[in-house]
Amino acid sequence: MTSFTFYNYYMKYTGIPINFGIGVMLGFLIGTAIAGQTSYNFTLETLRYFGTLKVMDTLHLFALFSKKARHRKWLFSN
């Protein structure tokens, strides 16, 4: 038997591909949910610091050192 026949056998007659696919999909969904919740929580905790920096007008200093900050005009809008 060749390796191709083993491949066909496992793909047609076992549940390995379906179980593996479900595991990968669940891992991706759960990982995405955890990363999203972590980012959201971090943003909520540090939002007041960004507001304080905006009031002190110090966010413009970050634009000098960061390319990303230059493109985020909403940070600098009054």
Protein backbone atom coordinates (compact mmCIF):
# COMPACT_ATOMS: atom_id res chain seq x y z
CA MET A 1 0.00 0.00 0.00
CA THR A 2 1.16 3.44 -0.75
CA SER A 3 0.98 6.43 1.51
CA PHE A 4 -1.80 7.84 -0.66
CA THR A 5 -4.08 4.93 0.24
CA PHE A 6 -3.39 5.44 3.93
CA TYR A 7 -4.28 9.09 3.49
CA ASN A 8 -7.54 8.23 1.72
CA TYR A 9 -8.42 5.68 4.39
CA TYR A 10 -7.93 8.13 7.25
CA MET A 11 -9.79 10.90 5.44
CA LYS A 12 -12.82 8.76 4.53
CA TYR A 13 -13.22 6.25 7.34
CA THR A 14 -12.02 7.95 10.51
CA GLY A 15 -13.08 11.08 12.36
CA ILE A 16 -9.55 12.42 12.72
CA PRO A 17 -9.83 15.30 10.18
CA ILE A 18 -13.15 16.49 11.60
CA ASN A 19 -11.94 16.32 15.20
CA PHE A 20 -8.68 18.05 14.34
CA GLY A 21 -10.53 20.77 12.42
CA ILE A 22 -12.95 21.35 15.28
CA GLY A 23 -10.03 21.58 17.73
CA VAL A 24 -8.22 24.12 15.58
CA MET A 25 -11.38 26.18 15.10
CA LEU A 26 -12.21 26.20 18.83
CA GLY A 27 -8.64 27.12 19.71
CA PHE A 28 -8.71 30.02 17.29
CA LEU A 29 -12.07 31.30 18.52
CA ILE A 30 -11.19 31.01 22.21
CA GLY A 31 -7.77 32.58 21.64
CA THR A 32 -9.32 35.47 19.75
CA ALA A 33 -11.90 36.01 22.50
CA ILE A 34 -9.26 36.02 25.25
CA ALA A 35 -7.02 38.42 23.30
CA GLY A 36 -9.97 40.72 22.64
CA GLN A 37 -11.05 40.77 26.27
CA THR A 38 -7.48 41.44 27.41
CA SER A 39 -7.09 44.34 24.98
CA TYR A 40 -10.47 45.77 25.93
CA ASN A 41 -9.70 45.55 29.65
CA PHE A 42 -6.30 47.19 29.18
CA THR A 43 -7.88 50.01 27.18
CA LEU A 44 -10.51 50.65 29.84
CA GLU A 45 -7.90 50.69 32.61
CA THR A 46 -5.58 53.13 30.84
CA LEU A 47 -8.19 55.37 29.24
CA ARG A 48 -8.01 57.94 32.03
CA TYR A 49 -4.24 58.26 31.54
CA PHE A 50 -4.73 59.03 27.87
CA GLY A 51 -7.30 61.63 28.83
CA THR A 52 -4.89 63.18 31.32
CA LEU A 53 -2.13 63.32 28.72
CA LYS A 54 -4.51 64.89 26.23
CA VAL A 55 -5.51 67.59 28.72
CA MET A 56 -1.85 68.30 29.46
CA ASP A 57 -1.26 68.53 25.68
CA THR A 58 1.65 66.09 25.88
CA LEU A 59 0.41 63.66 23.24
CA HIS A 60 2.00 65.84 20.58
CA LEU A 61 5.41 64.81 21.93
CA PHE A 62 4.67 61.22 21.02
CA ALA A 63 4.14 62.24 17.40
CA LEU A 64 7.76 63.27 17.17
CA PHE A 65 8.98 59.80 18.13
CA SER A 66 6.35 57.54 16.63
CA LYS A 67 5.18 57.15 13.05
CA LYS A 68 1.96 55.54 14.21
CA ALA A 69 1.04 58.50 16.41
CA ARG A 70 1.32 60.88 13.47
CA HIS A 71 -1.38 59.02 11.59
CA ARG A 72 -3.80 58.92 14.50
CA LYS A 73 -5.34 62.34 14.15
CA TRP A 74 -8.22 61.49 16.48
CA LEU A 75 -5.77 61.56 19.41
CA PHE A 76 -4.94 65.17 18.69
CA SER A 77 -8.41 66.48 17.86
CA ASN A 78 -9.84 68.98 20.30
